[in-house]
Amino acid sequence: MFAAERRQLILEMVRANGAVSLRELARVVQTSEVTVRRDVRALEAEGLLDRRHGGAVLPGGFTRESGFPQKSHLATAEKTAIADLAANFVEEGEAIVVGAGTTTQELARRLARVPGLTVVTNSLLVAQALAHANRVEVVMTGGTLRGSNYALVGSGAEQSLQGLRVSRAFLSGSGLTAERGLSTSNMLSASVDRALVQAAAEVVVLADHTKLGTDTMFQTVPTDVITRLVTDEPPAHDDRAATELQALADQGVQIAVAGTGASGNSGTAGGEGTPARQQRRDVPLPGPRRGQVPGAGSPLRQAAVLGEQSPGGERARVADLRRR
């Protein structure tokens, strides 16, 4: 396929889906991700699409937000790995809040196995994932339904959260930077997320590497409020995402990294007794501010403990990295 044909097909896919990962583009046009990345750069230079870490989206800058169908097809393997790891931070009998998003929806599917759990959410998708979990109580906020992400927003949602107190909030968003923290493209969603944060003692952000270094219009969670970031390991070529992880860590955010097997530097550690390996780069990250795993000891031991507790006996390669 000639370059012009490839780029036309890439553009058609992005226009049809709103957002497409580089991996999916490479599969459809039957070439390497390196070639696709070069094509995406060329199309961006013409103003026909915008690059994102790990993918391409329709142009629109800070104010554009992809709908649920588009988001659900972007970084799916990474979101699954993040959800697997994040579920380890939830204990029996806890009360938590879970915000809207495709990654939090994946987390909710795993929380159905946690007995005695109470989940407060403004997401219809999260509630649906937990609807048949006999041992989990689901509490939904009020509010107005926002169809693009199946979330309840507005003053009704915010008022229903007043006076609420839970142990942890699990949130996602459109972008994450060390400078501004978590952000989203929609004002109503941002306002509800801020109310969710106010109800929680700790804040856990779930964000795949494609969101690292991306800044969008409305700030939801400032960096100094984020307790922990659960993410996947950036590809070897993605220096921007790795740099952003370092900057977040320097500001006191605990980093937990789940391997997906999507690149040569990530994967699932196999076999009993296999130690959790540190992130691809030797990044000194800070000590815990809140919510350290009880009785886990050192940070690398915490990672090993989490690996041992992974569902189905799978041992995710996890790093809970800290500053020297």
Foldseek 3Di string as FASTA:
>chain_A
DDLVVLLVVQLVVQVVQQKAFLVVSCVVVVHDSVSSVVSLVVCVVVVQWADFQRIIGGDDAQQDDAFPRNQCRGPVLFLLQLLLLVLLLDAAQFEEEEEFDNSSLSNLLVCLPRANYEYEYQAPSSCVSNVPSPRYHYHYFAADADPRGRGHWDPRRLVSLPPAAGAEYEYEEQAAFLQFGGFHNDPRSLVNLLSSLVRHPAYEYEDELRRYPGDHDGGRDGLLRHQEYRYEAREPVCVRSVVRVLSSQVSAYWYKYWFRPPYPQGDFDDDPPDFQDAHPDPRAGADGPDSQDPPQPDQSSSLQVSQCVRPPRTRTRIGRHHHD
